Amino acid sequence: MWAASCLASCCAACACDACRTVVSGISRRSARIAYCGLFALSLIVSWILREVAAPLMEKLPWINHFHKTPDREWFETDAVLRVSLGNFMFFTILAVLMVGVKNQKDPRDSLHHGGWMMKVICWCILVIFMFFLPNEIVSFYESISKFGSGLFLLVQVVLLLDFVHGWNDKWIGYGEQFWYIALFVVSLVCYLTTFVFSGFLFHWFTPSGQDCGLNTFFIVMTLIFVFVFAIVALHPAVSGSIFPASVISFYCMYLCYSGLASEPREYECNGLHKHSKAVSTGTLTIGLVTTVLSVVYSAVRAGSSTTLLSPPSSPRAGKPLLPLENKTEAEHDDKEKSKPVTYSYAFFHIIFSLASMYSAMLLTGWSTSVGESGKLVDVGWPSVWVRIITGWATASLYLWSLVAPIMFPDREF
């Protein structure tokens, strides 16, 4: 017993030293990566508690105060929602604190980039505190998370459109034949991939002998968007480019696939998984890792976006997440001390707040998964419709970006 106690104390001391070393190495340039790391950690904690916390939560009287104990899936969903609520509160508090930060002389600038040991401790306390809240608060958070997730998906679409148009303008700006050919080749590859992909979707999700009219409608609707994109982009009055149209076409087809793949495993038109109800640990792990990378990338992209995050007073926008030049931290601080901030700290944290809601919905099947489907990541009819509607929203926003300058020539887009 004495030896085990000593070993536990040594392990705890080593863990504290390791955490202190990590947080002390976080600089101004790597702060955004640190926030992404903390967010990724919250997703890992959510998944772990989703798998192991249910038996303990069943014994907590302020959670399990029902006359009849709910199914295990209810406690798994509740654990994910409580961790997500703690994460949401952490980033929302930071967003409120950062409202109005315009230059690096503001003391809150140091809070945004530093104090990591304090922030990690506060994050842990918030997450733990969420497990002492009544179920009614968690249920309310579950309801608003559906709307917050929709806002996060809308931000993803805006970021994609901004990225694609910027990519197209950059290559055209070189004014060389090589880059024009490169744009044509990439556009051709995107279109070929899109049409081949659509063929696979018909094969996987409209099996013969089954009435799969809904799946057929989703795929055909996406193909119609693909042709409309090309027609509108190449119209003389629009003066658009085929390259953004091809990339958006591929993305819409991917969203269609993502939505169809989220259909319940027992659905007769979901031929991709051969009606399999059992999922291996490896498949679950891959699904979670893909979800984590997708959400974290969106948050990073939002944190670097010149369109959404750069305040009007910013001298430049779109700073890289990692420094490219070899300067000491002291020299950098002296030079940048009085400069305006290059992105909105408040909006940056709001993105993570919305991403917290979105990740909770993914891990709980939009809080409607039951039975075997409750063991899967991002499976269920709500997830299907969210993906499909996101694809339609992407198509609408892209078409609007093409026709808006014609409809409102006096406004800048």
Protein backbone atom coordinates (compact mmCIF):
# COMPACT_ATOMS: atom_id res chain seq x y z
CA MET A 1 0.00 0.00 0.00
CA TRP A 2 2.84 2.39 0.94
CA ALA A 3 4.69 1.60 -2.29
CA ALA A 4 1.56 2.15 -4.38
CA SER A 5 0.96 5.50 -2.66
CA CYS A 6 4.52 6.61 -3.38
CA LEU A 7 4.22 5.50 -7.00
CA ALA A 8 0.95 7.44 -7.43
CA SER A 9 2.53 10.55 -5.89
CA CYS A 10 5.51 10.30 -8.24
CA CYS A 11 3.25 9.88 -11.27
CA ALA A 12 1.17 12.89 -10.25
CA ALA A 13 4.29 15.00 -9.74
CA CYS A 14 5.65 13.97 -13.14
CA ALA A 15 2.33 14.77 -14.79
CA CYS A 16 2.26 18.23 -13.19
CA ASP A 17 5.82 18.92 -14.30
CA ALA A 18 5.00 17.78 -17.84
CA CYS A 19 1.93 20.04 -17.98
CA ARG A 20 3.92 22.98 -16.63
CA THR A 21 6.60 22.41 -19.26
CA VAL A 22 4.05 22.26 -22.08
CA VAL A 23 2.14 25.38 -21.09
CA SER A 24 5.32 27.37 -20.50
CA GLY A 25 6.37 26.64 -24.08
CA ILE A 26 3.23 28.18 -25.59
CA SER A 27 4.12 31.47 -27.26
CA ARG A 28 2.08 34.20 -28.92
CA ARG A 29 2.54 32.52 -32.29
CA SER A 30 1.42 29.09 -31.09
CA ALA A 31 -1.54 30.24 -28.96
CA ARG A 32 -4.12 29.34 -31.59
CA ILE A 33 -2.65 25.86 -31.91
CA ALA A 34 -2.88 25.52 -28.12
CA TYR A 35 -6.58 26.41 -28.18
CA CYS A 36 -7.09 23.79 -30.88
CA GLY A 37 -5.23 21.27 -28.75
CA LEU A 38 -7.45 22.04 -25.76
CA PHE A 39 -10.52 21.68 -27.94
CA ALA A 40 -9.30 18.34 -29.31
CA LEU A 41 -8.69 17.21 -25.74
CA SER A 42 -12.29 18.03 -24.87
CA LEU A 43 -13.49 15.78 -27.70
CA ILE A 44 -11.30 12.92 -26.51
CA VAL A 45 -12.59 13.34 -22.95
CA SER A 46 -16.16 13.37 -24.30
CA TRP A 47 -15.64 10.12 -26.17
CA ILE A 48 -13.96 8.41 -23.20
CA LEU A 49 -16.73 9.42 -20.79
CA ARG A 50 -19.30 8.40 -23.38
CA GLU A 51 -17.92 4.88 -23.15
CA VAL A 52 -17.11 4.50 -19.44
CA ALA A 53 -19.01 7.09 -17.34
CA ALA A 54 -22.54 5.65 -17.60
CA PRO A 55 -22.31 3.23 -14.60
CA LEU A 56 -21.03 6.02 -12.33
CA MET A 57 -23.63 8.53 -13.49
CA GLU A 58 -26.40 6.03 -12.77
CA LYS A 59 -25.43 6.27 -9.08
CA LEU A 60 -25.55 10.08 -8.89
CA PRO A 61 -28.92 11.03 -7.32
CA TRP A 62 -29.12 14.51 -8.89
CA ILE A 63 -28.73 12.93 -12.36
CA ASN A 64 -30.55 9.62 -11.98
CA HIS A 65 -33.61 10.83 -10.05
CA PHE A 66 -36.07 9.01 -12.31
CA HIS A 67 -38.60 6.45 -11.10
CA LYS A 68 -37.26 4.12 -13.79
CA THR A 69 -33.58 4.24 -14.69
CA PRO A 70 -33.11 5.25 -18.36
CA ASP A 71 -31.21 3.15 -20.85
CA ARG A 72 -27.42 3.27 -20.90
CA GLU A 73 -27.52 5.39 -24.07
CA TRP A 74 -29.20 8.22 -22.15
CA PHE A 75 -26.29 8.45 -19.70
CA GLU A 76 -23.76 8.26 -22.54
CA THR A 77 -25.47 11.18 -24.27
CA ASP A 78 -25.71 13.10 -21.01
CA ALA A 79 -21.98 12.69 -20.31
CA VAL A 80 -21.06 14.06 -23.75
CA LEU A 81 -23.45 17.00 -23.36
CA ARG A 82 -22.03 17.93 -19.95
CA VAL A 83 -18.43 17.96 -21.20
CA SER A 84 -19.54 19.94 -24.24
CA LEU A 85 -21.39 22.42 -21.98
CA GLY A 86 -18.23 22.95 -19.93
CA ASN A 87 -16.22 23.51 -23.10
CA PHE A 88 -18.89 25.86 -24.42
CA MET A 89 -18.89 27.89 -21.20
CA PHE A 90 -15.08 28.13 -21.21
CA PHE A 91 -14.83 29.55 -24.72
CA THR A 92 -17.94 31.72 -24.31
CA ILE A 93 -16.47 33.36 -21.19
CA LEU A 94 -13.24 34.03 -23.10
CA ALA A 95 -15.25 35.48 -26.00
CA VAL A 96 -17.05 37.88 -23.67
CA LEU A 97 -13.79 38.90 -22.01
CA MET A 98 -12.18 39.60 -25.39
CA VAL A 99 -14.90 41.87 -26.79
CA GLY A 100 -13.38 45.17 -27.92
CA VAL A 101 -9.70 44.18 -27.94
CA LYS A 102 -8.20 46.32 -30.71
CA ASN A 103 -4.45 46.49 -30.05
CA GLN A 104 -1.78 44.52 -28.27
CA LYS A 105 -1.42 47.12 -25.51
CA ASP A 106 -4.74 45.95 -24.12
CA PRO A 107 -4.08 43.80 -21.00
CA ARG A 108 -6.59 41.27 -22.35
CA ASP A 109 -4.21 40.55 -25.22
CA SER A 110 -1.87 38.90 -22.71
CA LEU A 111 -4.80 36.93 -21.29
CA HIS A 112 -5.64 35.63 -24.77
CA HIS A 113 -2.09 34.48 -25.49
CA GLY A 114 -0.83 33.58 -22.01
CA GLY A 115 -1.85 32.27 -18.60
CA TRP A 116 -2.21 28.76 -19.91
CA MET A 117 -1.82 26.92 -16.61
CA MET A 118 -4.66 29.02 -15.16
CA LYS A 119 -6.81 28.47 -18.25
CA VAL A 120 -6.31 24.70 -18.22
CA ILE A 121 -7.24 24.57 -14.53
CA CYS A 122 -10.34 26.71 -15.14
CA TRP A 123 -11.34 24.46 -18.04
CA CYS A 124 -11.05 21.36 -15.83
CA ILE A 125 -13.08 22.99 -13.06
CA LEU A 126 -15.83 24.02 -15.49
CA VAL A 127 -16.09 20.54 -16.99
CA ILE A 128 -16.24 18.91 -13.55
CA PHE A 129 -18.79 21.46 -12.33
CA MET A 130 -21.12 20.59 -15.24
CA PHE A 131 -21.65 17.14 -13.72
CA PHE A 132 -23.28 18.78 -10.69
CA LEU A 133 -25.87 20.69 -12.71
CA PRO A 134 -29.51 19.54 -12.85
CA ASN A 135 -30.73 17.67 -15.92
CA GLU A 136 -33.01 20.53 -16.96
CA ILE A 137 -30.04 22.81 -17.74
CA VAL A 138 -28.33 20.09 -19.77
CA SER A 139 -31.57 19.42 -21.64
CA PHE A 140 -31.87 23.12 -22.50
CA TYR A 141 -28.26 23.13 -23.72
CA GLU A 142 -29.04 20.10 -25.88
CA SER A 143 -31.88 22.03 -27.54
CA ILE A 144 -29.86 25.14 -28.33
CA SER A 145 -26.91 23.02 -29.51
CA LYS A 146 -28.86 22.05 -32.60
CA PHE A 147 -29.12 25.72 -33.59
CA GLY A 148 -25.50 26.41 -32.65
CA SER A 149 -24.39 23.46 -34.78
CA GLY A 150 -26.28 24.92 -37.73
CA LEU A 151 -24.46 28.22 -37.29
CA PHE A 152 -21.12 26.39 -37.17
CA LEU A 153 -21.90 24.57 -40.42
CA LEU A 154 -22.85 27.91 -41.99
CA VAL A 155 -19.48 29.33 -40.94
CA GLN A 156 -17.80 26.32 -42.55
CA VAL A 157 -19.55 27.07 -45.84
CA VAL A 158 -18.57 30.76 -45.76
CA LEU A 159 -14.96 29.82 -45.04
CA LEU A 160 -14.90 27.37 -47.93
CA LEU A 161 -16.28 29.96 -50.36
CA ASP A 162 -13.74 32.51 -49.16
CA PHE A 163 -10.92 29.99 -49.51
CA VAL A 164 -11.90 28.86 -53.02
CA HIS A 165 -12.35 32.38 -54.40
CA GLY A 166 -9.05 33.43 -52.82
CA TRP A 167 -7.28 30.42 -54.35
CA ASN A 168 -8.69 31.22 -57.78
CA ASP A 169 -7.75 34.92 -57.58
CA LYS A 170 -4.23 34.11 -56.42
CA TRP A 171 -3.44 31.79 -59.33
CA ILE A 172 -5.04 34.12 -61.88
CA GLY A 173 -3.07 37.00 -60.38
CA TYR A 174 0.20 35.40 -61.42
CA GLY A 175 -0.77 36.17 -65.04
CA GLU A 176 1.19 33.22 -66.44
CA GLN A 177 -0.02 30.49 -68.76
CA PHE A 178 1.22 27.76 -66.42
CA TRP A 179 -1.20 28.83 -63.69
CA TYR A 180 -4.12 29.03 -66.10
CA ILE A 181 -3.36 25.48 -67.21
CA ALA A 182 -3.08 24.41 -63.56
CA LEU A 183 -6.52 25.86 -62.84
CA PHE A 184 -7.98 24.02 -65.83
CA VAL A 185 -6.38 20.71 -64.80
CA VAL A 186 -7.56 20.96 -61.19
CA SER A 187 -11.06 21.92 -62.37
CA LEU A 188 -11.15 18.95 -64.75
CA VAL A 189 -10.02 16.57 -61.99
CA CYS A 190 -12.68 17.93 -59.63
CA TYR A 191 -15.44 17.48 -62.20
CA LEU A 192 -14.32 13.97 -63.15
CA THR A 193 -14.11 13.00 -59.48
CA THR A 194 -17.55 14.48 -58.84
CA PHE A 195 -19.25 12.51 -61.62
CA VAL A 196 -17.44 9.26 -60.78
CA PHE A 197 -18.36 9.79 -57.14
CA SER A 198 -22.01 10.26 -58.08
CA GLY A 199 -21.93 6.91 -59.87
CA PHE A 200 -20.72 5.23 -56.69
CA LEU A 201 -23.49 6.94 -54.72
CA PHE A 202 -26.12 5.49 -57.06
CA HIS A 203 -24.51 2.06 -56.64
CA TRP A 204 -24.23 2.23 -52.84
CA PHE A 205 -27.42 4.00 -51.83
CA THR A 206 -29.97 2.97 -54.48
CA PRO A 207 -29.67 -0.84 -54.46
CA SER A 208 -31.79 -2.74 -56.95
CA GLY A 209 -35.06 -4.13 -55.68
CA GLN A 210 -35.52 -1.36 -53.12
CA ASP A 211 -37.65 1.77 -53.24
CA CYS A 212 -34.99 4.42 -52.60
CA GLY A 213 -36.65 7.48 -54.07
CA LEU A 214 -35.38 9.78 -51.30
CA ASN A 215 -31.75 8.82 -51.87
CA THR A 216 -32.21 9.17 -55.63
CA PHE A 217 -33.67 12.65 -55.10
CA PHE A 218 -30.67 13.70 -52.98
CA ILE A 219 -28.13 12.53 -55.58
CA VAL A 220 -30.00 13.93 -58.60
CA MET A 221 -30.53 17.26 -56.84
CA THR A 222 -26.79 17.50 -56.21
CA LEU A 223 -26.04 16.73 -59.88
CA ILE A 224 -28.45 19.49 -60.92
CA PHE A 225 -26.53 21.90 -58.71
CA VAL A 226 -23.29 20.83 -60.40
CA PHE A 227 -24.63 21.72 -63.86
CA VAL A 228 -26.19 24.97 -62.63
CA PHE A 229 -22.86 26.02 -61.09
CA ALA A 230 -21.07 25.59 -64.41
CA ILE A 231 -23.77 27.36 -66.45
CA VAL A 232 -23.96 30.37 -64.14
CA ALA A 233 -20.19 30.65 -63.67
CA LEU A 234 -19.56 30.63 -67.46
CA HIS A 235 -22.35 33.08 -68.27
CA PRO A 236 -20.90 36.24 -69.90
CA ALA A 237 -22.75 38.53 -67.50
CA VAL A 238 -21.25 36.81 -64.46
CA SER A 239 -17.61 36.70 -65.58
CA GLY A 240 -16.97 33.87 -63.20
CA SER A 241 -14.44 31.05 -63.22
CA ILE A 242 -14.95 27.34 -63.68
CA PHE A 243 -12.43 26.49 -60.96
CA PRO A 244 -14.52 27.59 -57.92
CA ALA A 245 -17.56 25.94 -59.53
CA SER A 246 -15.71 22.62 -59.79
CA VAL A 247 -14.45 22.68 -56.20
CA ILE A 248 -17.88 23.60 -54.80
CA SER A 249 -19.43 20.86 -56.95
CA PHE A 250 -17.11 18.28 -55.46
CA TYR A 251 -17.78 19.54 -51.93
CA CYS A 252 -21.56 19.38 -52.43
CA MET A 253 -21.25 15.82 -53.71
CA TYR A 254 -19.12 14.95 -50.68
CA LEU A 255 -21.79 16.41 -48.37
CA CYS A 256 -24.39 14.32 -50.18
CA TYR A 257 -22.27 11.20 -49.59
CA SER A 258 -21.70 12.18 -45.95
CA GLY A 259 -25.44 12.57 -45.43
CA LEU A 260 -26.32 9.26 -47.09
CA ALA A 261 -23.57 7.45 -45.17
CA SER A 262 -25.14 8.72 -41.92
CA GLU A 263 -28.36 6.83 -42.61
CA PRO A 264 -29.17 4.18 -39.99
CA ARG A 265 -27.43 0.87 -40.59
CA GLU A 266 -30.74 -0.99 -40.69
CA TYR A 267 -32.14 1.23 -43.46
CA GLU A 268 -32.60 -0.93 -46.56
CA CYS A 269 -31.26 1.75 -48.92
CA ASN A 270 -27.97 2.12 -47.06
CA GLY A 271 -26.04 -0.50 -48.99
CA LEU A 272 -22.64 0.90 -48.06
CA HIS A 273 -22.48 -0.95 -44.75
CA LYS A 274 -24.29 -4.13 -45.85
CA HIS A 275 -26.87 -3.72 -43.07
CA SER A 276 -24.13 -4.19 -40.48
CA LYS A 277 -25.22 -3.24 -36.95
CA ALA A 278 -21.95 -4.09 -35.25
CA VAL A 279 -19.04 -1.72 -35.54
CA SER A 280 -15.46 -2.53 -34.66
CA THR A 281 -13.37 -0.43 -32.30
CA GLY A 282 -11.09 0.46 -35.21
CA THR A 283 -14.02 1.82 -37.22
CA LEU A 284 -15.20 3.87 -34.25
CA THR A 285 -11.70 5.24 -33.72
CA ILE A 286 -11.34 6.24 -37.37
CA GLY A 287 -14.75 7.90 -37.27
CA LEU A 288 -13.87 9.89 -34.17
CA VAL A 289 -10.44 10.94 -35.48
CA THR A 290 -12.01 12.11 -38.73
CA THR A 291 -14.59 14.11 -36.79
CA VAL A 292 -11.92 15.68 -34.57
CA LEU A 293 -9.74 16.66 -37.52
CA SER A 294 -12.71 18.13 -39.39
CA VAL A 295 -13.90 20.26 -36.47
CA VAL A 296 -10.41 21.39 -35.44
CA TYR A 297 -9.52 22.32 -39.02
CA SER A 298 -12.67 24.40 -39.31
CA ALA A 299 -11.83 26.21 -36.09
CA VAL A 300 -8.23 26.81 -37.21
CA ARG A 301 -9.38 28.03 -40.59
CA ALA A 302 -11.87 30.36 -38.93
CA GLY A 303 -9.13 31.64 -36.66
CA SER A 304 -7.00 32.50 -39.67
CA SER A 305 -9.73 33.83 -41.94
CA THR A 306 -9.20 37.29 -43.35
CA THR A 307 -12.89 37.70 -44.17
CA LEU A 308 -14.56 36.83 -40.88
CA LEU A 309 -12.03 37.67 -38.22
CA SER A 310 -9.84 40.59 -39.24
CA PRO A 311 -10.95 43.88 -37.67
CA PRO A 312 -11.01 46.99 -39.87
CA SER A 313 -8.02 48.43 -38.02
CA SER A 314 -5.84 45.42 -38.75
CA PRO A 315 -2.69 46.30 -40.73
CA ARG A 316 -2.69 42.86 -42.25
CA ALA A 317 -4.65 39.66 -41.86
CA GLY A 318 -4.24 35.94 -42.21
CA LYS A 319 -1.13 35.53 -40.04
CA PRO A 320 0.26 31.99 -40.26
CA LEU A 321 -0.33 29.68 -37.36
CA LEU A 322 3.40 29.04 -37.11
CA PRO A 323 6.19 31.61 -37.65
CA LEU A 324 8.15 31.40 -40.88
CA GLU A 325 10.86 33.84 -39.89
CA ASN A 326 13.57 33.21 -37.29
CA LYS A 327 13.05 35.88 -34.65
CA THR A 328 13.36 35.63 -30.90
CA GLU A 329 10.21 36.07 -28.87
CA ALA A 330 11.60 39.16 -27.16
CA GLU A 331 12.35 40.90 -30.46
CA HIS A 332 8.90 40.05 -31.73
CA ASP A 333 7.19 41.41 -28.60
CA ASP A 334 9.12 44.67 -28.78
CA LYS A 335 8.22 45.18 -32.41
CA GLU A 336 4.57 44.14 -32.16
CA LYS A 337 3.84 45.70 -28.77
CA SER A 338 1.66 48.56 -29.91
CA LYS A 339 0.28 47.13 -33.15
CA PRO A 340 -3.43 46.43 -33.70
CA VAL A 341 -4.57 42.85 -33.35
CA THR A 342 -4.79 40.94 -36.63
CA TYR A 343 -8.03 39.07 -35.94
CA SER A 344 -11.01 39.30 -33.62
CA TYR A 345 -10.24 37.37 -30.45
CA ALA A 346 -13.91 37.36 -29.44
CA PHE A 347 -15.10 35.83 -32.70
CA PHE A 348 -12.25 33.32 -32.60
CA HIS A 349 -13.56 31.97 -29.29
CA ILE A 350 -17.15 32.06 -30.52
CA ILE A 351 -16.11 29.67 -33.30
CA PHE A 352 -14.89 27.21 -30.68
CA SER A 353 -18.12 27.65 -28.70
CA LEU A 354 -20.18 26.73 -31.75
CA ALA A 355 -17.78 23.88 -32.57
CA SER A 356 -18.34 22.52 -29.05
CA MET A 357 -22.07 22.30 -29.77
CA TYR A 358 -21.45 20.73 -33.17
CA SER A 359 -19.07 18.07 -31.83
CA ALA A 360 -21.58 17.15 -29.11
CA MET A 361 -24.24 16.58 -31.75
CA LEU A 362 -21.86 14.40 -33.77
CA LEU A 363 -20.89 12.24 -30.81
CA THR A 364 -24.50 11.74 -29.72
CA GLY A 365 -26.05 11.21 -33.17
CA TRP A 366 -27.80 14.59 -32.71
CA SER A 367 -29.12 13.25 -29.41
CA THR A 368 -31.53 10.80 -31.05
CA SER A 369 -29.45 7.65 -31.46
CA VAL A 370 -30.79 4.56 -29.70
CA GLY A 371 -29.89 0.90 -29.61
CA GLU A 372 -26.93 -0.15 -31.70
CA SER A 373 -26.88 3.15 -33.61
CA GLY A 374 -26.10 4.86 -30.32
CA LYS A 375 -22.63 3.29 -30.51
CA LEU A 376 -21.83 5.03 -33.75
CA VAL A 377 -20.41 8.45 -34.42
CA ASP A 378 -22.64 10.81 -36.42
CA VAL A 379 -25.35 8.32 -37.43
CA GLY A 380 -29.10 8.96 -37.59
CA TRP A 381 -31.73 10.75 -39.64
CA PRO A 382 -31.11 14.17 -38.04
CA SER A 383 -27.48 13.91 -39.16
CA VAL A 384 -28.62 12.97 -42.67
CA TRP A 385 -30.83 16.03 -43.02
CA VAL A 386 -28.24 18.35 -41.50
CA ARG A 387 -25.66 17.22 -44.09
CA ILE A 388 -28.07 17.45 -47.00
CA ILE A 389 -29.39 20.88 -45.99
CA THR A 390 -25.80 22.07 -45.52
CA GLY A 391 -25.09 21.01 -49.11
CA TRP A 392 -28.10 22.96 -50.34
CA ALA A 393 -27.02 25.98 -48.28
CA THR A 394 -23.55 25.74 -49.82
CA ALA A 395 -25.06 25.72 -53.31
CA SER A 396 -27.30 28.70 -52.51
CA LEU A 397 -24.47 30.77 -51.03
CA TYR A 398 -22.17 30.02 -53.95
CA LEU A 399 -24.81 31.00 -56.51
CA TRP A 400 -25.54 34.14 -54.50
CA SER A 401 -21.84 35.03 -54.56
CA LEU A 402 -22.01 34.89 -58.38
CA VAL A 403 -25.22 36.82 -58.99
CA ALA A 404 -25.09 39.33 -56.12
CA PRO A 405 -22.56 41.65 -57.84
CA ILE A 406 -24.92 41.83 -60.84
CA MET A 407 -28.04 42.46 -58.78
CA PHE A 408 -26.34 45.06 -56.58
CA PRO A 409 -23.57 46.64 -58.68
CA ASP A 410 -23.08 49.54 -56.24
CA ARG A 411 -22.19 47.29 -53.32
CA GLU A 412 -18.83 45.67 -52.69
CA PHE A 413 -18.82 41.88 -52.27
